[in-house]
Amino acid sequence: MTVLVIFNHPPYDGTAVTWNALRLIKQSQSAGMEVRIFLMNEAIDLAREQAQPGGGEDVHAMLLEAVAAGAEAKLCKTCIGRCSVNPAPFAPEVQVGTMPELVDWLAGSDRVLTF
């Protein structure tokens, strides 16, 4: 089964939305599912190489662990220029993606989840 997870939520907003999504991704991978991750809007900051503000779970590290375990991860090319003011560089493990690529992933997925 192929699962597409689309993140739209800012990763460091004081909620556990991103952390819970990444926990679900890890469990899905453990169950043998293929996982694809697409970061949109302020969620692109999840791919930034930076110290996590305020402590807590290191969701950036969790994203990179998912990629190391086989997940494909992309961030929205358009969102880079319009949704974030954070100047930190992106992790090289996360590629820049486009809307046509997201549509291809959507067509090839058995399940789509948004966070």
PDB file of N, CA and C in Angstrom:
ATOM      1  N   MET A   1       0.840  -1.175   0.000  1.00  0.00           N
ATOM      2  CA  MET A   1       0.000   0.000   0.000  1.00  0.00           C
ATOM      3  C   MET A   1       0.887   1.240   0.000  1.00  0.00           C
ATOM      4  N   THR A   2       0.508   2.214  -0.790  1.00  0.00           N
ATOM      5  CA  THR A   2       1.225   3.482  -0.860  1.00  0.00           C
ATOM      6  C   THR A   2       0.396   4.569  -0.190  1.00  0.00           C
ATOM      7  N   VAL A   3       1.032   5.276   0.724  1.00  0.00           N
ATOM      8  CA  VAL A   3       0.371   6.344   1.479  1.00  0.00           C
ATOM      9  C   VAL A   3       1.057   7.662   1.152  1.00  0.00           C
ATOM     10  N   LEU A   4       0.267   8.652   0.778  1.00  0.00           N
ATOM     11  CA  LEU A   4       0.755  10.007   0.554  1.00  0.00           C
ATOM     12  C   LEU A   4       0.328  10.849   1.740  1.00  0.00           C
ATOM     13  N   VAL A   5       1.303  11.498   2.383  1.00  0.00           N
ATOM     14  CA  VAL A   5       1.021  12.377   3.515  1.00  0.00           C
ATOM     15  C   VAL A   5       1.383  13.798   3.098  1.00  0.00           C
ATOM     16  N   ILE A   6       0.385  14.681   3.126  1.00  0.00           N
ATOM     17  CA  ILE A   6       0.597  16.077   2.761  1.00  0.00           C
ATOM     18  C   ILE A   6       0.552  16.912   4.036  1.00  0.00           C
ATOM     19  N   PHE A   7       1.637  17.615   4.279  1.00  0.00           N
ATOM     20  CA  PHE A   7       1.715  18.507   5.433  1.00  0.00           C
ATOM     21  C   PHE A   7       1.402  19.931   4.974  1.00  0.00           C
ATOM     22  N   ASN A   8       0.489  20.597   5.673  1.00  0.00           N
ATOM     23  CA  ASN A   8       0.165  22.001   5.436  1.00  0.00           C
ATOM     24  C   ASN A   8       0.363  22.831   6.692  1.00  0.00           C
ATOM     25  N   HIS A   9       0.538  22.187   7.810  1.00  0.00           N
ATOM     26  CA  HIS A   9       0.537  22.806   9.126  1.00  0.00           C
ATOM     27  C   HIS A   9       1.947  23.251   9.508  1.00  0.00           C
ATOM     28  N   PRO A  10       2.129  24.423  10.075  1.00  0.00           N
ATOM     29  CA  PRO A  10       3.462  24.827  10.528  1.00  0.00           C
ATOM     30  C   PRO A  10       4.001  23.824  11.553  1.00  0.00           C
ATOM     31  N   PRO A  11       5.239  23.402  11.424  1.00  0.00           N
ATOM     32  CA  PRO A  11       5.755  22.359  12.315  1.00  0.00           C
ATOM     33  C   PRO A  11       6.030  22.814  13.745  1.00  0.00           C
ATOM     34  N   TYR A  12       6.220  24.089  13.960  1.00  0.00           N
ATOM     35  CA  TYR A  12       6.610  24.583  15.287  1.00  0.00           C
ATOM     36  C   TYR A  12       5.587  25.588  15.810  1.00  0.00           C
ATOM     37  N   ASP A  13       4.337  25.171  15.892  1.00  0.00           N
ATOM     38  CA  ASP A  13       3.267  26.083  16.300  1.00  0.00           C
ATOM     39  C   ASP A  13       2.754  25.797  17.704  1.00  0.00           C
ATOM     40  N   GLY A  14       3.435  24.931  18.425  1.00  0.00           N
ATOM     41  CA  GLY A  14       3.013  24.624  19.783  1.00  0.00           C
ATOM     42  C   GLY A  14       2.004  23.496  19.893  1.00  0.00           C
ATOM     43  N   THR A  15       1.612  22.901  18.750  1.00  0.00           N
ATOM     44  CA  THR A  15       0.708  21.747  18.786  1.00  0.00           C
ATOM     45  C   THR A  15       1.503  20.480  18.489  1.00  0.00           C
ATOM     46  N   ALA A  16       0.843  19.350  18.579  1.00  0.00           N
ATOM     47  CA  ALA A  16       1.475  18.066  18.297  1.00  0.00           C
ATOM     48  C   ALA A  16       1.062  17.508  16.935  1.00  0.00           C
ATOM     49  N   VAL A  17       0.501  18.338  16.076  1.00  0.00           N
ATOM     50  CA  VAL A  17      -0.002  17.868  14.781  1.00  0.00           C
ATOM     51  C   VAL A  17       1.117  17.230  13.961  1.00  0.00           C
ATOM     52  N   THR A  18       2.212  17.936  13.782  1.00  0.00           N
ATOM     53  CA  THR A  18       3.313  17.420  12.972  1.00  0.00           C
ATOM     54  C   THR A  18       3.935  16.187  13.616  1.00  0.00           C
ATOM     55  N   TRP A  19       4.141  16.239  14.915  1.00  0.00           N
ATOM     56  CA  TRP A  19       4.730  15.110  15.635  1.00  0.00           C
ATOM     57  C   TRP A  19       3.873  13.862  15.479  1.00  0.00           C
ATOM     58  N   ASN A  20       2.557  13.997  15.633  1.00  0.00           N
ATOM     59  CA  ASN A  20       1.669  12.842  15.485  1.00  0.00           C
ATOM     60  C   ASN A  20       1.659  12.309  14.058  1.00  0.00           C
ATOM     61  N   ALA A  21       1.707  13.190  13.080  1.00  0.00           N
ATOM     62  CA  ALA A  21       1.766  12.735  11.692  1.00  0.00           C
ATOM     63  C   ALA A  21       3.037  11.934  11.438  1.00  0.00           C
ATOM     64  N   LEU A  22       4.148  12.405  11.975  1.00  0.00           N
ATOM     65  CA  LEU A  22       5.420  11.692  11.785  1.00  0.00           C
ATOM     66  C   LEU A  22       5.441  10.366  12.545  1.00  0.00           C
ATOM     67  N   ARG A  23       4.774  10.306  13.672  1.00  0.00           N
ATOM     68  CA  ARG A  23       4.637   9.029  14.384  1.00  0.00           C
ATOM     69  C   ARG A  23       3.842   8.038  13.533  1.00  0.00           C
ATOM     70  N   LEU A  24       2.775   8.525  12.894  1.00  0.00           N
ATOM     71  CA  LEU A  24       1.963   7.675  12.027  1.00  0.00           C
ATOM     72  C   LEU A  24       2.779   7.195  10.833  1.00  0.00           C
ATOM     73  N   ILE A  25       3.590   8.076  10.274  1.00  0.00           N
ATOM     74  CA  ILE A  25       4.456   7.693   9.156  1.00  0.00           C
ATOM     75  C   ILE A  25       5.403   6.577   9.576  1.00  0.00           C
ATOM     76  N   LYS A  26       6.022   6.733  10.726  1.00  0.00           N
ATOM     77  CA  LYS A  26       6.954   5.710  11.214  1.00  0.00           C
ATOM     78  C   LYS A  26       6.256   4.364  11.386  1.00  0.00           C
ATOM     79  N   GLN A  27       5.068   4.384  11.974  1.00  0.00           N
ATOM     80  CA  GLN A  27       4.322   3.145  12.168  1.00  0.00           C
ATOM     81  C   GLN A  27       3.889   2.545  10.833  1.00  0.00           C
ATOM     82  N   SER A  28       3.516   3.387   9.879  1.00  0.00           N
ATOM     83  CA  SER A  28       3.129   2.903   8.549  1.00  0.00           C
ATOM     84  C   SER A  28       4.301   2.222   7.861  1.00  0.00           C
ATOM     85  N   GLN A  29       5.475   2.817   7.987  1.00  0.00           N
ATOM     86  CA  GLN A  29       6.665   2.203   7.412  1.00  0.00           C
ATOM     87  C   GLN A  29       6.966   0.867   8.090  1.00  0.00           C
ATOM     88  N   SER A  30       6.804   0.819   9.398  1.00  0.00           N
ATOM     89  CA  SER A  30       7.027  -0.436  10.128  1.00  0.00           C
ATOM     90  C   SER A  30       6.069  -1.530   9.673  1.00  0.00           C
ATOM     91  N   ALA A  31       4.882  -1.126   9.216  1.00  0.00           N
ATOM     92  CA  ALA A  31       3.886  -2.080   8.733  1.00  0.00           C
ATOM     93  C   ALA A  31       4.101  -2.442   7.262  1.00  0.00           C
ATOM     94  N   GLY A  32       5.184  -1.921   6.668  1.00  0.00           N
ATOM     95  CA  GLY A  32       5.512  -2.276   5.290  1.00  0.00           C
ATOM     96  C   GLY A  32       4.903  -1.393   4.223  1.00  0.00           C
ATOM     97  N   MET A  33       4.328  -0.286   4.614  1.00  0.00           N
ATOM     98  CA  MET A  33       3.719   0.615   3.633  1.00  0.00           C
ATOM     99  C   MET A  33       4.774   1.523   3.009  1.00  0.00           C
ATOM    100  N   GLU A  34       4.548   1.851   1.755  1.00  0.00           N
ATOM    101  CA  GLU A  34       5.381   2.847   1.077  1.00  0.00           C
ATOM    102  C   GLU A  34       4.813   4.213   1.418  1.00  0.00           C
ATOM    103  N   VAL A  35       5.683   5.132   1.835  1.00  0.00           N
ATOM    104  CA  VAL A  35       5.227   6.449   2.271  1.00  0.00           C
ATOM    105  C   VAL A  35       5.875   7.526   1.413  1.00  0.00           C
ATOM    106  N   ARG A  36       5.046   8.474   0.998  1.00  0.00           N
ATOM    107  CA  ARG A  36       5.506   9.676   0.303  1.00  0.00           C
ATOM    108  C   ARG A  36       5.047  10.878   1.120  1.00  0.00           C
ATOM    109  N   ILE A  37       5.926  11.870   1.227  1.00  0.00           N
ATOM    110  CA  ILE A  37       5.650  13.042   2.046  1.00  0.00           C
ATOM    111  C   ILE A  37       5.792  14.286   1.180  1.00  0.00           C
ATOM    112  N   PHE A  38       4.772  15.141   1.190  1.00  0.00           N
ATOM    113  CA  PHE A  38       4.829  16.393   0.441  1.00  0.00           C
ATOM    114  C   PHE A  38       4.560  17.532   1.408  1.00  0.00           C
ATOM    115  N   LEU A  39       5.487  18.477   1.479  1.00  0.00           N
ATOM    116  CA  LEU A  39       5.400  19.612   2.392  1.00  0.00           C
ATOM    117  C   LEU A  39       4.916  20.841   1.636  1.00  0.00           C
ATOM    118  N   MET A  40       3.851  21.448   2.137  1.00  0.00           N
ATOM    119  CA  MET A  40       3.281  22.644   1.507  1.00  0.00           C
ATOM    120  C   MET A  40       3.115  23.743   2.552  1.00  0.00           C
ATOM    121  N   ASN A  41       2.918  24.962   2.059  1.00  0.00           N
ATOM    122  CA  ASN A  41       2.700  26.124   2.916  1.00  0.00           C
ATOM    123  C   ASN A  41       3.812  26.203   3.961  1.00  0.00           C
ATOM    124  N   GLU A  42       3.477  26.588   5.190  1.00  0.00           N
ATOM    125  CA  GLU A  42       4.492  26.739   6.218  1.00  0.00           C
ATOM    126  C   GLU A  42       5.107  25.416   6.654  1.00  0.00           C
ATOM    127  N   ALA A  43       4.527  24.308   6.242  1.00  0.00           N
ATOM    128  CA  ALA A  43       5.097  22.998   6.576  1.00  0.00           C
ATOM    129  C   ALA A  43       6.465  22.790   5.936  1.00  0.00           C
ATOM    130  N   ILE A  44       6.815  23.609   4.943  1.00  0.00           N
ATOM    131  CA  ILE A  44       8.148  23.469   4.343  1.00  0.00           C
ATOM    132  C   ILE A  44       9.245  23.693   5.376  1.00  0.00           C
ATOM    133  N   ASP A  45       8.944  24.418   6.462  1.00  0.00           N
ATOM    134  CA  ASP A  45       9.948  24.641   7.507  1.00  0.00           C
ATOM    135  C   ASP A  45      10.361  23.347   8.195  1.00  0.00           C
ATOM    136  N   LEU A  46       9.576  22.306   8.064  1.00  0.00           N
ATOM    137  CA  LEU A  46       9.943  21.001   8.608  1.00  0.00           C
ATOM    138  C   LEU A  46      11.228  20.478   7.973  1.00  0.00           C
ATOM    139  N   ALA A  47      11.486  20.865   6.732  1.00  0.00           N
ATOM    140  CA  ALA A  47      12.680  20.404   6.015  1.00  0.00           C
ATOM    141  C   ALA A  47      13.890  21.309   6.230  1.00  0.00           C
ATOM    142  N   ARG A  48      13.733  22.369   6.987  1.00  0.00           N
ATOM    143  CA  ARG A  48      14.840  23.302   7.216  1.00  0.00           C
ATOM    144  C   ARG A  48      15.821  22.740   8.228  1.00  0.00           C
ATOM    145  N   GLU A  49      17.097  22.912   7.935  1.00  0.00           N
ATOM    146  CA  GLU A  49      18.143  22.503   8.872  1.00  0.00           C
ATOM    147  C   GLU A  49      18.273  23.595   9.925  1.00  0.00           C
ATOM    148  N   GLN A  50      17.665  23.358  11.070  1.00  0.00           N
ATOM    149  CA  GLN A  50      17.648  24.368  12.123  1.00  0.00           C
ATOM    150  C   GLN A  50      17.454  23.693  13.465  1.00  0.00           C
ATOM    151  N   ALA A  51      17.784  24.406  14.495  1.00  0.00           N
ATOM    152  CA  ALA A  51      17.477  23.919  15.832  1.00  0.00           C
ATOM    153  C   ALA A  51      15.983  24.099  16.065  1.00  0.00           C
ATOM    154  N   GLN A  52      15.379  23.118  16.691  1.00  0.00           N
ATOM    155  CA  GLN A  52      13.949  23.220  16.970  1.00  0.00           C
ATOM    156  C   GLN A  52      13.711  24.258  18.052  1.00  0.00           C
ATOM    157  N   PRO A  53      12.853  25.218  17.795  1.00  0.00           N
ATOM    158  CA  PRO A  53      12.578  26.234  18.807  1.00  0.00           C
ATOM    159  C   PRO A  53      11.823  25.648  20.001  1.00  0.00           C
ATOM    160  N   GLY A  54      12.222  26.050  21.189  1.00  0.00           N
ATOM    161  CA  GLY A  54      11.473  25.692  22.389  1.00  0.00           C
ATOM    162  C   GLY A  54      11.598  24.263  22.856  1.00  0.00           C
ATOM    163  N   GLY A  55      12.555  23.509  22.357  1.00  0.00           N
ATOM    164  CA  GLY A  55      12.692  22.126  22.811  1.00  0.00           C
ATOM    165  C   GLY A  55      11.601  21.236  22.268  1.00  0.00           C
ATOM    166  N   GLY A  56      11.316  20.170  22.974  1.00  0.00           N
ATOM    167  CA  GLY A  56      10.283  19.237  22.522  1.00  0.00           C
ATOM    168  C   GLY A  56      10.841  18.210  21.556  1.00  0.00           C
ATOM    169  N   GLU A  57       9.956  17.522  20.903  1.00  0.00           N
ATOM    170  CA  GLU A  57      10.362  16.489  19.953  1.00  0.00           C
ATOM    171  C   GLU A  57      11.050  17.118  18.744  1.00  0.00           C
ATOM    172  N   ASP A  58      12.081  16.477  18.268  1.00  0.00           N
ATOM    173  CA  ASP A  58      12.807  16.977  17.090  1.00  0.00           C
ATOM    174  C   ASP A  58      12.120  16.435  15.840  1.00  0.00           C
ATOM    175  N   VAL A  59      11.108  17.153  15.371  1.00  0.00           N
ATOM    176  CA  VAL A  59      10.333  16.678  14.226  1.00  0.00           C
ATOM    177  C   VAL A  59      11.148  16.706  12.936  1.00  0.00           C
ATOM    178  N   HIS A  60      12.122  17.594  12.842  1.00  0.00           N
ATOM    179  CA  HIS A  60      13.004  17.602  11.670  1.00  0.00           C
ATOM    180  C   HIS A  60      13.773  16.278  11.606  1.00  0.00           C
ATOM    181  N   ALA A  61      14.315  15.854  12.731  1.00  0.00           N
ATOM    182  CA  ALA A  61      15.030  14.573  12.776  1.00  0.00           C
ATOM    183  C   ALA A  61      14.090  13.417  12.454  1.00  0.00           C
ATOM    184  N   MET A  62      12.839  13.503  12.920  1.00  0.00           N
ATOM    185  CA  MET A  62      11.873  12.446  12.614  1.00  0.00           C
ATOM    186  C   MET A  62      11.599  12.373  11.114  1.00  0.00           C
ATOM    187  N   LEU A  63      11.516  13.527  10.457  1.00  0.00           N
ATOM    188  CA  LEU A  63      11.338  13.549   9.000  1.00  0.00           C
ATOM    189  C   LEU A  63      12.512  12.865   8.315  1.00  0.00           C
ATOM    190  N   LEU A  64      13.720  13.204   8.730  1.00  0.00           N
ATOM    191  CA  LEU A  64      14.909  12.610   8.105  1.00  0.00           C
ATOM    192  C   LEU A  64      15.000  11.108   8.388  1.00  0.00           C
ATOM    193  N   GLU A  65      14.530  10.673   9.552  1.00  0.00           N
ATOM    194  CA  GLU A  65      14.476   9.235   9.849  1.00  0.00           C
ATOM    195  C   GLU A  65      13.510   8.526   8.908  1.00  0.00           C
ATOM    196  N   ALA A  66      12.382   9.160   8.621  1.00  0.00           N
ATOM    197  CA  ALA A  66      11.418   8.566   7.690  1.00  0.00           C
ATOM    198  C   ALA A  66      12.018   8.437   6.299  1.00  0.00           C
ATOM    199  N   VAL A  67      12.756   9.458   5.879  1.00  0.00           N
ATOM    200  CA  VAL A  67      13.414   9.408   4.566  1.00  0.00           C
ATOM    201  C   VAL A  67      14.482   8.315   4.560  1.00  0.00           C
ATOM    202  N   ALA A  68      15.258   8.233   5.624  1.00  0.00           N
ATOM    203  CA  ALA A  68      16.288   7.193   5.713  1.00  0.00           C
ATOM    204  C   ALA A  68      15.678   5.791   5.688  1.00  0.00           C
ATOM    205  N   ALA A  69      14.440   5.673   6.167  1.00  0.00           N
ATOM    206  CA  ALA A  69      13.738   4.388   6.167  1.00  0.00           C
ATOM    207  C   ALA A  69      13.028   4.111   4.851  1.00  0.00           C
ATOM    208  N   GLY A  70      13.182   5.008   3.867  1.00  0.00           N
ATOM    209  CA  GLY A  70      12.633   4.747   2.536  1.00  0.00           C
ATOM    210  C   GLY A  70      11.553   5.681   2.045  1.00  0.00           C
ATOM    211  N   ALA A  71      11.082   6.592   2.880  1.00  0.00           N
ATOM    212  CA  ALA A  71      10.053   7.529   2.418  1.00  0.00           C
ATOM    213  C   ALA A  71      10.651   8.519   1.426  1.00  0.00           C
ATOM    214  N   GLU A  72       9.872   8.868   0.424  1.00  0.00           N
ATOM    215  CA  GLU A  72      10.250   9.970  -0.465  1.00  0.00           C
ATOM    216  C   GLU A  72       9.652  11.227   0.123  1.00  0.00           C
ATOM    217  N   ALA A  73      10.412  12.319   0.108  1.00  0.00           N
ATOM    218  CA  ALA A  73       9.900  13.576   0.643  1.00  0.00           C
ATOM    219  C   ALA A  73      10.231  14.718  -0.308  1.00  0.00           C
ATOM    220  N   LYS A  74       9.234  15.548  -0.553  1.00  0.00           N
ATOM    221  CA  LYS A  74       9.409  16.715  -1.419  1.00  0.00           C
ATOM    222  C   LYS A  74       8.744  17.914  -0.761  1.00  0.00           C
ATOM    223  N   LEU A  75       9.253  19.095  -1.113  1.00  0.00           N
ATOM    224  CA  LEU A  75       8.628  20.322  -0.645  1.00  0.00           C
ATOM    225  C   LEU A  75       8.208  21.144  -1.837  1.00  0.00           C
ATOM    226  N   CYS A  76       7.129  21.861  -1.666  1.00  0.00           N
ATOM    227  CA  CYS A  76       6.505  22.608  -2.751  1.00  0.00           C
ATOM    228  C   CYS A  76       7.396  23.749  -3.223  1.00  0.00           C
ATOM    229  N   LYS A  77       7.733  23.716  -4.483  1.00  0.00           N
ATOM    230  CA  LYS A  77       8.588  24.748  -5.077  1.00  0.00           C
ATOM    231  C   LYS A  77       7.964  26.131  -4.955  1.00  0.00           C
ATOM    232  N   THR A  78       6.685  26.249  -5.226  1.00  0.00           N
ATOM    233  CA  THR A  78       6.004  27.542  -5.153  1.00  0.00           C
ATOM    234  C   THR A  78       5.988  28.060  -3.719  1.00  0.00           C
ATOM    235  N   CYS A  79       5.798  27.170  -2.772  1.00  0.00           N
ATOM    236  CA  CYS A  79       5.704  27.575  -1.370  1.00  0.00           C
ATOM    237  C   CYS A  79       7.029  28.108  -0.834  1.00  0.00           C
ATOM    238  N   ILE A  80       8.135  27.705  -1.405  1.00  0.00           N
ATOM    239  CA  ILE A  80       9.436  28.185  -0.947  1.00  0.00           C
ATOM    240  C   ILE A  80       9.496  29.704  -1.030  1.00  0.00           C
ATOM    241  N   GLY A  81       8.967  30.265  -2.099  1.00  0.00           N
ATOM    242  CA  GLY A  81       9.032  31.699  -2.300  1.00  0.00           C
ATOM    243  C   GLY A  81       7.926  32.495  -1.650  1.00  0.00           C
ATOM    244  N   ARG A  82       6.854  31.825  -1.205  1.00  0.00           N
ATOM    245  CA  ARG A  82       5.721  32.613  -0.724  1.00  0.00           C
ATOM    246  C   ARG A  82       5.245  32.289   0.677  1.00  0.00           C
ATOM    247  N   CYS A  83       5.749  31.233   1.289  1.00  0.00           N
ATOM    248  CA  CYS A  83       5.149  30.815   2.562  1.00  0.00           C
ATOM    249  C   CYS A  83       6.072  30.836   3.765  1.00  0.00           C
ATOM    250  N   SER A  84       7.330  31.161   3.603  1.00  0.00           N
ATOM    251  CA  SER A  84       8.219  31.078   4.743  1.00  0.00           C
ATOM    252  C   SER A  84       9.222  32.207   4.716  1.00  0.00           C
ATOM    253  N   VAL A  85       9.566  32.684   5.872  1.00  0.00           N
ATOM    254  CA  VAL A  85      10.591  33.719   5.971  1.00  0.00           C
ATOM    255  C   VAL A  85      11.847  33.165   6.634  1.00  0.00           C
ATOM    256  N   ASN A  86      11.852  31.894   6.964  1.00  0.00           N
ATOM    257  CA  ASN A  86      12.994  31.266   7.610  1.00  0.00           C
ATOM    258  C   ASN A  86      14.131  31.110   6.610  1.00  0.00           C
ATOM    259  N   PRO A  87      15.316  31.679   6.890  1.00  0.00           N
ATOM    260  CA  PRO A  87      16.404  31.617   5.925  1.00  0.00           C
ATOM    261  C   PRO A  87      17.257  30.347   6.002  1.00  0.00           C
ATOM    262  N   ALA A  88      17.017  29.477   6.967  1.00  0.00           N
ATOM    263  CA  ALA A  88      17.842  28.275   7.106  1.00  0.00           C
ATOM    264  C   ALA A  88      17.723  27.416   5.854  1.00  0.00           C
ATOM    265  N   PRO A  89      18.808  26.744   5.474  1.00  0.00           N
ATOM    266  CA  PRO A  89      18.747  25.897   4.269  1.00  0.00           C
ATOM    267  C   PRO A  89      17.891  24.653   4.490  1.00  0.00           C
ATOM    268  N   PHE A  90      17.457  24.070   3.393  1.00  0.00           N
ATOM    269  CA  PHE A  90      16.688  22.825   3.450  1.00  0.00           C
ATOM    270  C   PHE A  90      17.632  21.635   3.521  1.00  0.00           C
ATOM    271  N   ALA A  91      17.172  20.578   4.170  1.00  0.00           N
ATOM    272  CA  ALA A  91      17.940  19.334   4.230  1.00  0.00           C
ATOM    273  C   ALA A  91      18.063  18.762   2.822  1.00  0.00           C
ATOM    274  N   PRO A  92      19.251  18.325   2.429  1.00  0.00           N
ATOM    275  CA  PRO A  92      19.415  17.789   1.072  1.00  0.00           C
ATOM    276  C   PRO A  92      18.626  16.507   0.813  1.00  0.00           C
ATOM    277  N   GLU A  93      18.178  15.838   1.865  1.00  0.00           N
ATOM    278  CA  GLU A  93      17.393  14.605   1.700  1.00  0.00           C
ATOM    279  C   GLU A  93      15.989  14.876   1.178  1.00  0.00           C
ATOM    280  N   VAL A  94      15.549  16.126   1.282  1.00  0.00           N
ATOM    281  CA  VAL A  94      14.200  16.504   0.837  1.00  0.00           C
ATOM    282  C   VAL A  94      14.325  17.286  -0.460  1.00  0.00           C
ATOM    283  N   GLN A  95      13.733  16.759  -1.497  1.00  0.00           N
ATOM    284  CA  GLN A  95      13.827  17.376  -2.814  1.00  0.00           C
ATOM    285  C   GLN A  95      12.753  18.439  -3.004  1.00  0.00           C
ATOM    286  N   VAL A  96      12.993  19.338  -3.927  1.00  0.00           N
ATOM    287  CA  VAL A  96      11.978  20.314  -4.307  1.00  0.00           C
ATOM    288  C   VAL A  96      11.034  19.627  -5.295  1.00  0.00           C
ATOM    289  N   GLY A  97       9.746  19.784  -5.066  1.00  0.00           N
ATOM    290  CA  GLY A  97       8.747  19.162  -5.925  1.00  0.00           C
ATOM    291  C   GLY A  97       7.800  20.197  -6.510  1.00  0.00           C
ATOM    292  N   THR A  98       7.002  19.752  -7.447  1.00  0.00           N
ATOM    293  CA  THR A  98       6.059  20.630  -8.140  1.00  0.00           C
ATOM    294  C   THR A  98       4.638  20.084  -8.016  1.00  0.00           C
ATOM    295  N   MET A  99       3.684  20.906  -8.357  1.00  0.00           N
ATOM    296  CA  MET A  99       2.291  20.471  -8.320  1.00  0.00           C
ATOM    297  C   MET A  99       2.039  19.288  -9.269  1.00  0.00           C
ATOM    298  N   PRO A 100       2.595  19.279 -10.488  1.00  0.00           N
ATOM    299  CA  PRO A 100       2.408  18.092 -11.330  1.00  0.00           C
ATOM    300  C   PRO A 100       2.970  16.815 -10.688  1.00  0.00           C
ATOM    301  N   GLU A 101       4.077  16.922  -9.963  1.00  0.00           N
ATOM    302  CA  GLU A 101       4.619  15.752  -9.272  1.00  0.00           C
ATOM    303  C   GLU A 101       3.685  15.303  -8.154  1.00  0.00           C
ATOM    304  N   LEU A 102       3.106  16.262  -7.446  1.00  0.00           N
ATOM    305  CA  LEU A 102       2.151  15.906  -6.400  1.00  0.00           C
ATOM    306  C   LEU A 102       0.933  15.206  -6.996  1.00  0.00           C
ATOM    307  N   VAL A 103       0.479  15.668  -8.150  1.00  0.00           N
ATOM    308  CA  VAL A 103      -0.651  15.015  -8.819  1.00  0.00           C
ATOM    309  C   VAL A 103      -0.282  13.583  -9.201  1.00  0.00           C
ATOM    310  N   ASP A 104       0.921  13.359  -9.685  1.00  0.00           N
ATOM    311  CA  ASP A 104       1.372  12.003  -9.998  1.00  0.00           C
ATOM    312  C   ASP A 104       1.373  11.127  -8.748  1.00  0.00           C
ATOM    313  N   TRP A 105       1.885  11.676  -7.646  1.00  0.00           N
ATOM    314  CA  TRP A 105       1.881  10.922  -6.389  1.00  0.00           C
ATOM    315  C   TRP A 105       0.458  10.617  -5.949  1.00  0.00           C
ATOM    316  N   LEU A 106      -0.422  11.587  -6.091  1.00  0.00           N
ATOM    317  CA  LEU A 106      -1.821  11.400  -5.724  1.00  0.00           C
ATOM    318  C   LEU A 106      -2.442  10.255  -6.521  1.00  0.00           C
ATOM    319  N   ALA A 107      -2.195  10.257  -7.818  1.00  0.00           N
ATOM    320  CA  ALA A 107      -2.754   9.212  -8.688  1.00  0.00           C
ATOM    321  C   ALA A 107      -2.208   7.828  -8.356  1.00  0.00           C
ATOM    322  N   GLY A 108      -0.991   7.769  -7.839  1.00  0.00           N
ATOM    323  CA  GLY A 108      -0.364   6.493  -7.543  1.00  0.00           C
ATOM    324  C   GLY A 108      -0.475   6.061  -6.093  1.00  0.00           C
ATOM    325  N   SER A 109      -1.317   6.731  -5.318  1.00  0.00           N
ATOM    326  CA  SER A 109      -1.428   6.429  -3.893  1.00  0.00           C
ATOM    327  C   SER A 109      -2.743   5.711  -3.577  1.00  0.00           C
ATOM    328  N   ASP A 110      -2.672   4.809  -2.622  1.00  0.00           N
ATOM    329  CA  ASP A 110      -3.868   4.124  -2.154  1.00  0.00           C
ATOM    330  C   ASP A 110      -4.613   4.942  -1.105  1.00  0.00           C
ATOM    331  N   ARG A 111      -3.858   5.714  -0.329  1.00  0.00           N
ATOM    332  CA  ARG A 111      -4.430   6.560   0.703  1.00  0.00           C
ATOM    333  C   ARG A 111      -3.731   7.911   0.695  1.00  0.00           C
ATOM    334  N   VAL A 112      -4.488   8.959   0.990  1.00  0.00           N
ATOM    335  CA  VAL A 112      -3.933  10.307   1.097  1.00  0.00           C
ATOM    336  C   VAL A 112      -4.368  10.882   2.445  1.00  0.00           C
ATOM    337  N   LEU A 113      -3.397  11.358   3.198  1.00  0.00           N
ATOM    338  CA  LEU A 113      -3.649  11.956   4.506  1.00  0.00           C
ATOM    339  C   LEU A 113      -3.121  13.387   4.490  1.00  0.00           C
ATOM    340  N   THR A 114      -3.827  14.282   5.136  1.00  0.00           N
ATOM    341  CA  THR A 114      -3.344  15.669   5.223  1.00  0.00           C
ATOM    342  C   THR A 114      -3.260  16.074   6.683  1.00  0.00           C
ATOM    343  N   PHE A 115      -2.215  16.829   6.978  1.00  0.00           N
ATOM    344  CA  PHE A 115      -1.999  17.338   8.341  1.00  0.00           C
ATOM    345  C   PHE A 115      -1.636  18.801   8.243  1.00  0.00           C
TER     346      PHE A 115
END
